[in-house]
N, C-alpha and C. Protein backbone atom coordinates (compact mmCIF):
# COMPACT_ATOMS: atom_id res chain seq x y z
N MET A 1 1.02 -1.15 -0.57
CA MET A 1 -0.01 -0.40 -0.39
C MET A 1 1.19 1.58 -0.13
N ARG A 2 0.69 1.97 -0.93
CA ARG A 2 1.64 3.07 -0.32
C ARG A 2 0.15 5.02 0.47
N TYR A 3 1.53 5.21 0.84
CA TYR A 3 0.87 5.90 1.25
C TYR A 3 1.11 7.57 1.35
N GLU A 4 0.63 9.06 2.03
CA GLU A 4 0.88 10.59 1.80
C GLU A 4 0.91 10.61 3.08
N ILE A 5 2.87 10.73 3.62
CA ILE A 5 2.13 11.53 4.93
C ILE A 5 2.97 13.17 4.76
N ARG A 6 1.51 13.91 5.30
CA ARG A 6 2.10 15.69 5.44
C ARG A 6 2.65 15.44 6.79
N VAL A 7 3.86 16.45 7.08
CA VAL A 7 4.53 17.31 8.23
C VAL A 7 4.66 18.65 8.35
N ASP A 8 4.31 19.30 9.42
CA ASP A 8 4.34 20.21 9.38
C ASP A 8 5.36 20.75 8.98
N GLY A 9 5.45 22.00 8.71
CA GLY A 9 7.58 22.42 8.46
C GLY A 9 7.95 21.67 7.48
N GLU A 10 8.59 22.47 6.69
CA GLU A 10 10.05 22.28 6.00
C GLU A 10 11.30 21.40 6.52
N MET A 11 11.36 19.88 6.33
CA MET A 11 12.25 19.72 7.01
C MET A 11 13.67 19.37 5.78
N SER A 12 14.55 19.63 6.47
CA SER A 12 15.56 19.07 6.14
C SER A 12 16.49 18.42 5.67
N ASP A 13 17.41 18.63 5.46
CA ASP A 13 18.14 16.92 4.24
C ASP A 13 18.27 15.61 4.88
N GLU A 14 18.52 16.24 5.91
CA GLU A 14 18.92 15.49 6.77
C GLU A 14 18.55 14.49 7.97
N LEU A 15 17.58 15.37 8.22
CA LEU A 15 15.62 14.48 8.54
C LEU A 15 15.48 13.99 7.83
N THR A 16 15.47 14.32 6.84
CA THR A 16 14.49 13.72 5.77
C THR A 16 15.33 12.20 5.06
N THR A 17 16.59 11.83 5.45
CA THR A 17 17.60 10.68 5.38
C THR A 17 17.36 10.22 6.19
N ALA A 18 16.10 10.27 8.19
CA ALA A 18 16.07 9.47 8.38
C ALA A 18 14.49 8.37 7.99
N PHE A 19 14.07 8.67 6.41
CA PHE A 19 13.05 8.13 6.21
C PHE A 19 13.70 7.57 4.72
N PRO A 20 14.50 6.59 3.87
CA PRO A 20 15.21 5.71 3.02
C PRO A 20 14.73 5.61 2.48
N GLU A 21 13.36 5.71 2.25
CA GLU A 21 12.38 4.48 1.78
C GLU A 21 10.82 5.38 1.79
N LEU A 22 11.06 6.59 1.79
CA LEU A 22 10.45 6.84 1.07
C LEU A 22 10.85 8.74 0.55
N ASP A 23 10.13 8.78 -0.67
CA ASP A 23 10.18 10.07 -1.10
C ASP A 23 9.95 11.43 -0.84
N THR A 24 10.28 12.24 -1.23
CA THR A 24 9.41 13.53 -0.61
C THR A 24 9.29 15.51 -1.46
N PHE A 25 8.56 16.13 -1.45
CA PHE A 25 9.31 16.86 -1.64
C PHE A 25 8.10 18.25 -1.02
N VAL A 26 8.20 19.36 -0.63
CA VAL A 26 7.77 20.85 -0.22
C VAL A 26 7.16 21.46 -0.62
N VAL A 27 5.57 21.43 -0.41
CA VAL A 27 4.45 22.76 -0.96
C VAL A 27 4.58 23.28 0.25
N PRO A 28 4.10 24.49 0.84
CA PRO A 28 4.21 26.02 1.09
C PRO A 28 3.69 24.89 3.01
N HIS A 29 4.63 25.80 3.94
CA HIS A 29 4.44 24.98 5.05
C HIS A 29 4.36 23.46 5.62
N GLN A 30 4.61 22.61 4.97
CA GLN A 30 4.69 21.34 4.81
C GLN A 30 5.23 20.49 4.59
N THR A 31 6.15 19.24 5.11
CA THR A 31 6.77 19.01 3.23
C THR A 31 6.52 17.54 3.46
N VAL A 32 5.73 16.08 2.65
CA VAL A 32 5.19 15.59 1.88
C VAL A 32 5.93 14.77 1.63
N LEU A 33 5.72 13.60 2.13
CA LEU A 33 6.61 11.98 2.50
C LEU A 33 5.67 11.56 1.21
N TYR A 34 5.77 10.11 0.42
CA TYR A 34 4.90 9.20 0.10
C TYR A 34 5.49 7.86 -0.32
N GLY A 35 5.51 7.28 0.03
CA GLY A 35 6.16 5.64 -0.63
C GLY A 35 5.38 4.81 -0.63
N GLN A 36 5.40 3.55 -0.57
CA GLN A 36 5.22 1.80 0.12
C GLN A 36 5.59 1.66 1.71
N VAL A 37 4.53 1.27 2.37
CA VAL A 37 4.20 1.49 3.12
C VAL A 37 4.14 -0.27 3.96
N ASP A 38 5.05 -1.32 3.73
CA ASP A 38 4.59 -2.48 3.83
C ASP A 38 3.44 -3.74 4.86
N ASP A 39 3.08 -3.05 5.80
CA ASP A 39 2.72 -3.65 6.73
C ASP A 39 2.05 -3.00 7.64
N GLU A 40 1.79 -3.14 8.75
CA GLU A 40 1.19 -2.87 9.83
C GLU A 40 2.43 -2.32 10.97
N ALA A 41 3.33 -2.99 11.17
CA ALA A 41 4.51 -3.05 12.04
C ALA A 41 6.00 -1.87 11.08
N HIS A 42 5.97 -1.74 9.70
CA HIS A 42 6.31 -1.01 9.28
C HIS A 42 5.43 1.04 9.93
N PHE A 43 3.59 0.39 8.81
CA PHE A 43 3.56 2.05 9.42
C PHE A 43 3.97 2.45 11.19
N TYR A 44 3.77 1.82 11.42
CA TYR A 44 4.41 2.59 13.80
C TYR A 44 5.62 2.73 14.19
N GLY A 45 5.77 1.72 12.95
CA GLY A 45 7.85 2.23 13.01
C GLY A 45 8.00 3.62 12.29
N LEU A 46 7.05 3.84 11.44
CA LEU A 46 7.49 5.24 10.51
C LEU A 46 6.55 6.62 11.57
N LEU A 47 5.42 5.64 12.26
CA LEU A 47 4.39 6.56 13.30
C LEU A 47 5.73 7.33 14.44
N MET A 48 6.74 5.77 14.38
CA MET A 48 7.81 6.38 16.28
C MET A 48 9.24 7.55 15.52
N ARG A 49 8.74 6.85 14.26
CA ARG A 49 10.52 7.47 13.83
C ARG A 49 10.10 8.91 13.90
N PHE A 50 8.36 9.61 12.92
CA PHE A 50 8.29 11.03 13.29
C PHE A 50 8.58 11.24 14.52
N GLN A 51 7.80 10.62 15.82
CA GLN A 51 7.75 10.87 16.99
C GLN A 51 9.52 11.90 17.51
N SER A 52 9.90 10.45 18.03
CA SER A 52 10.89 10.82 18.26
C SER A 52 12.17 10.87 17.51
N LEU A 53 11.81 12.15 16.36
CA LEU A 53 12.56 13.61 15.87
C LEU A 53 11.54 14.04 16.06
N GLY A 54 10.71 14.32 16.30
CA GLY A 54 9.79 15.77 17.12
C GLY A 54 9.09 16.26 16.14
N LEU A 55 9.40 16.04 14.59
CA LEU A 55 8.05 15.78 13.97
C LEU A 55 6.62 16.11 14.03
N HIS A 56 5.25 17.19 13.88
CA HIS A 56 4.12 16.82 13.58
C HIS A 56 3.32 16.42 12.42
N VAL A 57 3.32 15.12 12.20
CA VAL A 57 2.48 14.43 11.63
C VAL A 57 1.11 15.30 11.09
N ALA A 58 1.10 15.83 10.15
CA ALA A 58 -0.65 16.80 10.18
C ALA A 58 -1.77 15.82 9.10
N GLU A 59 -1.60 14.71 8.37
CA GLU A 59 -1.20 13.94 8.12
C GLU A 59 -1.13 12.38 7.15
N PHE A 60 -1.61 12.68 7.67
CA PHE A 60 -1.27 10.68 7.15
C PHE A 60 -2.41 9.13 5.94
N ARG A 61 -2.06 9.28 4.80
CA ARG A 61 -3.11 8.32 4.42
C ARG A 61 -2.34 7.83 3.55
N ARG A 62 -3.60 6.39 3.13
CA ARG A 62 -3.84 5.50 1.60
C ARG A 62 -3.75 6.29 0.88
N LEU A 63 -3.24 6.62 -0.23
CA LEU A 63 -3.03 6.33 -1.79
C LEU A 63 -4.18 5.46 -2.46
N PRO A 64 -4.41 5.29 -3.30
CA PRO A 64 -5.34 5.27 -4.02
C PRO A 64 -4.07 4.15 -5.02
N GLU A 65 -4.97 3.02 -5.16
CA GLU A 65 -4.29 2.17 -5.36
C GLU A 65 -4.24 2.46 -7.18
């Protein structure tokens, strides 16, 4: 399943390297990460990574197939 994750603010290049499995782009006031999330463990692992880095996830949504 593919997901899109929107994080408040513009993430630095260093922060985006913490998510090598996801592609990124910046829109006004947010960084958008997107890509394949393999299973529930991967999903929760991503959430924990965002939290441990102090990032605020504004939206986490599944993309259409």
